[in-house]
Amino acid sequence: MDTELFKKLVSTPGISGREERIRATVMDELKDLVDSVSVDDLGNLVGVRHGKGPKIMLAAHMDSIGFLVSHIDDNGFLRVSPVGGFDPRTLVMQRVVVLGQQDYVGLLAPATKPIHLLDAEDSKRPTKIEDLFIDLMMPAEEVKENVSIGDPVSLLRSPVVTDHAVSAPYLDDRLGVYVLLAALRAASSTEAELCPVISVQEEVGLRGATTSAFGLQPDIGIALDVTIAGDLPGADKTQQVSALGDGAAIGLMDSGSISDPRLVDRFKQVAQQYDINHQLEILPRGGTDAGGIQLSRAGVPVITISIPIRYVHTSNEMAVVSDIEATVDLVARFVEGAHDLELQW
């Protein structure tokens, strides 16, 4: 695993609609792996590697969930509006970075009494996002001079990398971006026509994938994303979706798309041929860029290939290295033979 690339991807801010920094980071990595790369009107990075056979769109979204500053009070405390979905229980006393005139580290705290002063009734109240505020740890006048309504806010947590696992905010979907880049490197000899797209605004409605697919008109769409690993205490094993250590997840269905069975069969064949650890996945809630690609123009056959992660949409998302490497291997081996792929009913 390329630890340097991984850390760079998961540490660069880029919430939905404000992907400027992560786009520049990925552009530097992508430009030498394709024949051309451009930025479209919505902000997607669209690459082209010329070849033969069907035009294959490989999509991974660069945007992450986050917040926008929605109010600054007289004492310099910030209120926020969420961009994407959060579980408020996981947010109390997390560190964030506010992208104002410069980057400011803040503490995300609940607007309640300190725990020592809470009575029994107050302590039972569930935390809501509207109850949270950001303390930037500096004078109110300085806050008001340097932070504005609409400034983006990202979770702030240093990535952890061990021989076995990785943990960081925004594995969703910087791991998908990592897999796309690593697979393009590994499949350098492919003859296939590839269109890698690093999309924007997935977390708020698959917007970047939808518009870029309309422009590219691909024959096949492959979304690279993460999926839920529900192999946890207290979870129903029949509903776990995927498990860490069981390899790349070949998606069959989620709430946004149903994978084309011909593509499912092809990926299963590739995994078996190259002895790549894999599992089959059905995600009952949530979707990927495949949902936007599938409905483009007259329709596109799609599939999602995912990396299982625990603790999705928190500041400590976690994946195991063997699953990441299996997913890179699976995608690379697929595209190496994709120039002769014919999808026939």
Protein backbone atom coordinates (compact mmCIF):
# COMPACT_ATOMS: atom_id res chain seq x y z
CA MET A 1 0.00 0.00 0.00
CA ASP A 2 1.22 3.50 -0.87
CA THR A 3 1.06 5.06 2.59
CA GLU A 4 2.18 8.50 1.44
CA LEU A 5 -0.60 8.74 -1.16
CA PHE A 6 -3.19 7.43 1.29
CA LYS A 7 -2.29 10.00 3.96
CA LYS A 8 -2.33 12.80 1.41
CA LEU A 9 -5.82 11.87 0.20
CA VAL A 10 -7.45 11.47 3.62
CA SER A 11 -5.85 14.61 5.07
CA THR A 12 -6.88 17.11 2.39
CA PRO A 13 -10.15 18.99 3.05
CA GLY A 14 -12.88 18.89 0.43
CA ILE A 15 -16.52 18.82 1.51
CA SER A 16 -19.30 18.55 -1.07
CA GLY A 17 -19.36 21.67 -3.21
CA ARG A 18 -15.99 22.89 -1.90
CA GLU A 19 -13.60 20.36 -3.39
CA GLU A 20 -10.91 22.82 -4.54
CA ARG A 21 -8.03 21.50 -2.43
CA ILE A 22 -8.63 17.80 -2.89
CA ARG A 23 -9.18 18.33 -6.62
CA ALA A 24 -5.73 19.91 -6.93
CA THR A 25 -4.20 17.07 -4.94
CA VAL A 26 -5.80 14.38 -7.09
CA MET A 27 -5.00 16.25 -10.32
CA ASP A 28 -1.30 15.99 -9.49
CA GLU A 29 -1.64 12.21 -9.09
CA LEU A 30 -3.94 11.57 -12.07
CA LYS A 31 -2.35 13.63 -14.82
CA ASP A 32 0.52 11.20 -15.47
CA LEU A 33 -1.78 8.17 -15.55
CA VAL A 34 -4.00 9.31 -18.44
CA ASP A 35 -3.63 10.83 -21.89
CA SER A 36 -5.63 13.90 -20.92
CA VAL A 37 -7.44 15.31 -17.91
CA SER A 38 -9.81 18.24 -17.54
CA VAL A 39 -12.08 19.89 -14.99
CA ASP A 40 -15.71 20.20 -16.09
CA ASP A 41 -18.16 22.95 -15.16
CA LEU A 42 -19.31 21.21 -11.98
CA GLY A 43 -15.74 20.55 -10.82
CA ASN A 44 -15.33 16.87 -11.70
CA LEU A 45 -11.89 15.67 -12.74
CA VAL A 46 -12.37 13.82 -16.03
CA GLY A 47 -9.50 11.77 -17.43
CA VAL A 48 -9.16 9.84 -20.68
CA ARG A 49 -6.80 6.97 -21.43
CA HIS A 50 -7.29 6.06 -25.07
CA GLY A 51 -7.78 2.46 -26.12
CA LYS A 52 -10.20 0.10 -27.75
CA GLY A 53 -13.34 -1.74 -26.80
CA PRO A 54 -16.15 -0.31 -24.70
CA LYS A 55 -15.68 3.10 -23.09
CA ILE A 56 -15.39 2.40 -19.36
CA MET A 57 -16.08 5.13 -16.83
CA LEU A 58 -14.37 4.51 -13.47
CA ALA A 59 -15.86 6.86 -10.88
CA ALA A 60 -14.77 7.63 -7.32
CA HIS A 61 -15.99 10.71 -5.49
CA MET A 62 -13.55 13.15 -3.95
CA ASP A 63 -16.07 15.05 -1.82
CA SER A 64 -16.69 14.32 1.84
CA ILE A 65 -19.38 15.14 4.35
CA GLY A 66 -18.83 18.26 6.43
CA PHE A 67 -20.45 21.53 7.44
CA LEU A 68 -20.88 25.13 6.42
CA VAL A 69 -20.69 27.95 8.95
CA SER A 70 -24.28 29.20 9.31
CA HIS A 71 -24.03 31.71 12.19
CA ILE A 72 -21.42 33.57 14.23
CA ASP A 73 -22.62 34.82 17.61
CA ASP A 74 -21.43 37.80 19.63
CA ASN A 75 -18.98 35.63 21.57
CA GLY A 76 -17.37 34.21 18.43
CA PHE A 77 -18.96 30.77 18.63
CA LEU A 78 -19.97 29.23 15.31
CA ARG A 79 -23.11 27.33 14.40
CA VAL A 80 -23.07 25.00 11.40
CA SER A 81 -25.32 23.42 8.81
CA PRO A 82 -24.46 19.83 7.80
CA VAL A 83 -23.40 18.96 4.26
CA GLY A 84 -24.22 15.25 3.99
CA GLY A 85 -25.31 12.80 6.65
CA PHE A 86 -23.98 12.62 10.21
CA ASP A 87 -24.80 10.68 13.36
CA PRO A 88 -24.78 13.49 15.96
CA ARG A 89 -23.76 11.03 18.70
CA THR A 90 -20.30 10.75 17.11
CA LEU A 91 -19.63 14.48 16.88
CA VAL A 92 -19.42 15.69 20.46
CA MET A 93 -15.96 17.13 21.28
CA GLN A 94 -14.45 16.25 17.92
CA ARG A 95 -11.83 18.53 16.39
CA VAL A 96 -12.68 20.33 13.17
CA VAL A 97 -10.88 22.65 10.79
CA VAL A 98 -12.66 25.80 9.60
CA LEU A 99 -11.42 27.10 6.25
CA GLY A 100 -11.68 30.85 6.77
CA GLN A 101 -9.04 33.43 5.87
CA GLN A 102 -6.70 30.66 6.97
CA ASP A 103 -7.25 27.23 8.55
CA TYR A 104 -8.53 27.38 12.13
CA VAL A 105 -8.75 24.38 14.44
CA GLY A 106 -11.97 24.26 16.42
CA LEU A 107 -13.76 22.11 18.98
CA LEU A 108 -17.26 20.83 18.20
CA ALA A 109 -19.20 21.01 21.46
CA PRO A 110 -22.84 20.68 22.57
CA ALA A 111 -24.67 23.82 23.70
CA THR A 112 -25.58 22.39 27.11
CA LYS A 113 -24.43 22.76 30.69
CA PRO A 114 -21.14 21.07 31.63
CA ILE A 115 -21.68 17.45 32.64
CA HIS A 116 -21.09 18.21 36.32
CA LEU A 117 -24.09 20.60 36.28
CA LEU A 118 -26.50 18.49 34.23
CA ASP A 119 -29.57 17.16 36.00
CA ALA A 120 -30.96 13.70 35.23
CA GLU A 121 -33.54 14.96 32.74
CA ASP A 122 -31.08 17.09 30.76
CA SER A 123 -28.61 14.21 30.51
CA LYS A 124 -31.22 12.08 28.72
CA ARG A 125 -31.74 14.56 25.89
CA PRO A 126 -30.40 13.24 22.58
CA THR A 127 -27.77 15.39 20.88
CA LYS A 128 -28.90 17.13 17.70
CA ILE A 129 -26.67 18.82 15.14
CA GLU A 130 -28.44 22.12 15.77
CA ASP A 131 -27.30 21.86 19.42
CA LEU A 132 -23.62 21.87 18.43
CA PHE A 133 -21.31 24.86 18.17
CA ILE A 134 -17.63 25.37 17.28
CA ASP A 135 -15.21 26.99 19.69
CA LEU A 136 -12.25 28.35 17.71
CA MET A 137 -10.30 29.05 20.91
CA MET A 138 -9.62 32.69 20.03
CA PRO A 139 -11.17 36.12 20.75
CA ALA A 140 -14.57 36.87 19.23
CA GLU A 141 -13.23 39.91 17.32
CA GLU A 142 -10.62 37.75 15.64
CA VAL A 143 -13.21 35.14 14.71
CA LYS A 144 -15.48 37.72 13.11
CA GLU A 145 -12.61 39.22 11.12
CA ASN A 146 -11.44 35.90 9.69
CA VAL A 147 -14.48 33.60 9.42
CA SER A 148 -17.58 34.17 7.28
CA ILE A 149 -20.98 32.58 6.84
CA GLY A 150 -20.58 29.76 4.31
CA ASP A 151 -16.98 28.86 5.15
CA PRO A 152 -16.47 25.07 4.92
CA VAL A 153 -15.77 22.92 7.97
CA SER A 154 -14.13 19.47 7.91
CA LEU A 155 -13.48 16.88 10.57
CA LEU A 156 -9.87 16.94 11.74
CA ARG A 157 -8.13 13.74 12.79
CA SER A 158 -4.65 12.49 11.90
CA PRO A 159 -4.70 9.24 9.92
CA VAL A 160 -3.52 6.05 11.59
CA VAL A 161 -1.70 3.44 9.51
CA THR A 162 -0.56 0.08 10.85
CA ASP A 163 0.63 -3.07 9.12
CA HIS A 164 -2.93 -4.39 9.31
CA ALA A 165 -5.34 -1.45 9.17
CA VAL A 166 -5.94 2.23 8.47
CA SER A 167 -8.20 4.73 10.18
CA ALA A 168 -9.07 8.33 9.31
CA PRO A 169 -11.97 10.61 8.56
CA TYR A 170 -13.14 10.45 4.97
CA LEU A 171 -12.17 6.96 3.93
CA ASP A 172 -15.54 7.57 2.27
CA ASP A 173 -14.54 8.00 -0.44
CA ARG A 174 -10.86 8.87 -0.47
CA LEU A 175 -10.23 5.12 -0.36
CA GLY A 176 -12.19 4.81 -3.60
CA VAL A 177 -9.99 7.54 -5.11
CA TYR A 178 -6.91 5.69 -3.83
CA VAL A 179 -8.10 2.43 -5.43
CA LEU A 180 -8.76 4.17 -8.75
CA LEU A 181 -5.30 5.76 -8.87
CA ALA A 182 -3.52 2.61 -7.70
CA ALA A 183 -5.43 0.43 -10.17
CA LEU A 184 -4.54 2.74 -13.06
CA ARG A 185 -0.88 2.44 -12.06
CA ALA A 186 -1.11 -1.35 -11.78
CA ALA A 187 -2.94 -1.73 -15.11
CA SER A 188 -0.55 0.37 -17.15
CA SER A 189 -0.48 -2.17 -19.98
CA THR A 190 -4.23 -2.24 -20.57
CA GLU A 191 -5.59 -1.66 -24.07
CA ALA A 192 -9.04 -0.62 -22.85
CA GLU A 193 -10.66 2.80 -23.35
CA LEU A 194 -10.75 4.21 -19.82
CA CYS A 195 -12.37 7.37 -18.49
CA PRO A 196 -11.49 7.83 -14.83
CA VAL A 197 -13.72 10.42 -13.15
CA ILE A 198 -13.02 11.83 -9.69
CA SER A 199 -16.46 13.18 -9.01
CA VAL A 200 -17.88 15.95 -6.83
CA GLN A 201 -21.02 16.28 -4.71
CA GLU A 202 -21.73 12.56 -4.37
CA GLU A 203 -22.67 12.92 -0.72
CA VAL A 204 -25.48 15.36 -1.55
CA GLY A 205 -27.09 13.47 -4.43
CA LEU A 206 -24.65 11.84 -6.89
CA ARG A 207 -24.48 15.12 -8.78
CA GLY A 208 -20.99 14.96 -10.24
CA ALA A 209 -21.33 11.40 -11.53
CA THR A 210 -24.67 12.22 -13.13
CA THR A 211 -23.40 15.19 -15.10
CA SER A 212 -20.03 13.70 -16.06
CA ALA A 213 -21.67 10.50 -17.33
CA PHE A 214 -24.03 12.60 -19.45
CA GLY A 215 -21.02 14.26 -21.06
CA LEU A 216 -18.84 11.18 -21.46
CA GLN A 217 -21.55 8.79 -22.71
CA PRO A 218 -19.76 5.68 -21.36
CA ASP A 219 -20.66 2.14 -22.39
CA ILE A 220 -19.98 0.83 -18.87
CA GLY A 221 -19.86 2.53 -15.48
CA ILE A 222 -17.92 1.29 -12.45
CA ALA A 223 -18.29 3.13 -9.14
CA LEU A 224 -15.45 2.70 -6.64
CA ASP A 225 -16.63 3.41 -3.11
CA VAL A 226 -16.70 2.08 0.43
CA THR A 227 -19.38 -0.04 2.01
CA ILE A 228 -20.55 -0.88 5.51
CA ALA A 229 -18.70 -3.56 7.43
CA GLY A 230 -21.28 -4.54 10.02
CA ASP A 231 -19.16 -7.23 11.68
CA LEU A 232 -19.49 -5.56 15.09
CA PRO A 233 -20.77 -6.37 18.57
CA GLY A 234 -24.50 -5.73 18.74
CA ALA A 235 -25.02 -6.04 14.98
CA ASP A 236 -27.24 -8.64 13.35
CA LYS A 237 -24.94 -10.94 11.37
CA THR A 238 -27.64 -11.39 8.71
CA GLN A 239 -27.55 -7.61 8.10
CA GLN A 240 -23.79 -6.97 8.24
CA VAL A 241 -23.49 -6.15 4.48
CA SER A 242 -19.76 -6.96 4.44
CA ALA A 243 -16.95 -7.99 6.77
CA LEU A 244 -13.40 -6.76 7.20
CA GLY A 245 -10.80 -9.18 5.91
CA ASP A 246 -13.10 -10.90 3.42
CA GLY A 247 -11.74 -8.93 0.48
CA ALA A 248 -13.13 -6.60 -2.16
CA ALA A 249 -16.92 -6.22 -2.15
CA ILE A 250 -18.64 -6.84 -5.48
CA GLY A 251 -21.87 -4.87 -5.22
CA LEU A 252 -25.12 -6.51 -6.29
CA MET A 253 -27.60 -3.83 -5.25
CA ASP A 254 -28.03 -0.73 -3.15
CA SER A 255 -30.82 1.83 -2.84
CA GLY A 256 -29.53 3.74 -5.87
CA SER A 257 -28.69 1.05 -8.42
CA ILE A 258 -28.84 -2.63 -9.30
CA SER A 259 -25.58 -3.91 -10.72
CA ASP A 260 -25.67 -5.34 -14.21
CA PRO A 261 -25.51 -9.14 -13.79
CA ARG A 262 -23.11 -9.43 -16.74
CA LEU A 263 -20.64 -7.15 -14.99
CA VAL A 264 -21.13 -9.02 -11.72
CA ASP A 265 -20.28 -12.27 -13.48
CA ARG A 266 -17.21 -10.74 -15.14
CA PHE A 267 -15.83 -9.42 -11.85
CA LYS A 268 -16.47 -12.75 -10.14
CA GLN A 269 -14.64 -14.53 -12.96
CA VAL A 270 -11.68 -12.15 -12.68
CA ALA A 271 -11.53 -12.61 -8.90
CA GLN A 272 -11.58 -16.38 -9.26
CA GLN A 273 -9.05 -16.42 -12.10
CA TYR A 274 -6.50 -14.38 -10.15
CA ASP A 275 -7.37 -15.79 -6.72
CA ILE A 276 -8.44 -12.38 -5.38
CA ASN A 277 -10.22 -12.39 -2.03
CA HIS A 278 -13.76 -11.07 -2.56
CA GLN A 279 -17.29 -11.01 -1.19
CA LEU A 280 -20.73 -10.17 -2.53
CA GLU A 281 -22.56 -7.16 -1.13
CA ILE A 282 -26.14 -5.90 -0.89
CA LEU A 283 -26.48 -2.49 0.75
CA PRO A 284 -30.06 -1.88 1.92
CA ARG A 285 -29.63 1.87 2.46
CA GLY A 286 -27.29 4.27 0.71
CA GLY A 287 -25.93 4.41 -2.80
CA THR A 288 -22.91 5.24 -4.93
CA ASP A 289 -22.03 7.09 -8.12
CA ALA A 290 -23.33 4.05 -10.00
CA GLY A 291 -26.86 5.34 -9.39
CA GLY A 292 -26.13 8.56 -11.24
CA ILE A 293 -24.26 6.87 -14.09
CA GLN A 294 -26.92 4.20 -14.60
CA LEU A 295 -29.66 6.70 -15.43
CA SER A 296 -27.60 8.85 -17.79
CA ARG A 297 -29.09 9.43 -21.24
CA ALA A 298 -30.53 6.11 -22.48
CA GLY A 299 -29.00 4.13 -19.59
CA VAL A 300 -25.61 2.63 -18.76
CA PRO A 301 -24.77 -0.84 -17.38
CA VAL A 302 -23.11 -0.25 -13.99
CA ILE A 303 -21.58 -1.97 -11.01
CA THR A 304 -20.15 -0.86 -7.67
CA ILE A 305 -16.89 -2.25 -6.33
CA SER A 306 -16.31 -1.35 -2.70
CA ILE A 307 -13.85 -1.50 0.17
CA PRO A 308 -15.50 -2.59 3.45
CA ILE A 309 -15.11 -0.09 6.30
CA ARG A 310 -16.30 0.14 9.88
CA TYR A 311 -17.65 3.30 11.53
CA VAL A 312 -18.73 5.01 8.30
CA HIS A 313 -19.39 8.76 8.45
CA THR A 314 -17.41 9.24 11.65
CA SER A 315 -13.99 10.72 12.36
CA ASN A 316 -12.55 7.22 12.80
CA GLU A 317 -13.53 5.23 9.73
CA MET A 318 -11.49 2.03 9.53
CA ALA A 319 -10.44 -0.45 6.83
CA VAL A 320 -7.93 -3.28 6.62
CA VAL A 321 -4.98 -3.16 4.25
CA SER A 322 -5.65 -6.59 2.75
CA ASP A 323 -9.14 -5.51 1.58
CA ILE A 324 -7.75 -2.32 0.03
CA GLU A 325 -5.07 -4.24 -1.83
CA ALA A 326 -7.57 -6.87 -2.99
CA THR A 327 -9.81 -4.14 -4.41
CA VAL A 328 -6.91 -2.52 -6.26
CA ASP A 329 -5.94 -5.90 -7.66
CA LEU A 330 -9.49 -6.74 -8.74
CA VAL A 331 -10.06 -3.43 -10.55
CA ALA A 332 -6.63 -3.55 -12.22
CA ARG A 333 -7.07 -7.11 -13.46
CA PHE A 334 -10.58 -6.27 -14.74
CA VAL A 335 -9.47 -3.27 -16.81
CA GLU A 336 -6.49 -5.16 -18.21
CA GLY A 337 -8.91 -7.48 -19.99
CA ALA A 338 -11.77 -5.07 -20.58
CA HIS A 339 -10.84 -4.21 -24.20
CA ASP A 340 -12.56 -7.39 -25.38
CA LEU A 341 -15.57 -7.15 -23.09
CA GLU A 342 -18.88 -7.57 -24.89
CA LEU A 343 -22.10 -7.23 -22.94
CA GLN A 344 -24.85 -9.14 -24.70
CA TRP A 345 -28.24 -10.17 -23.40
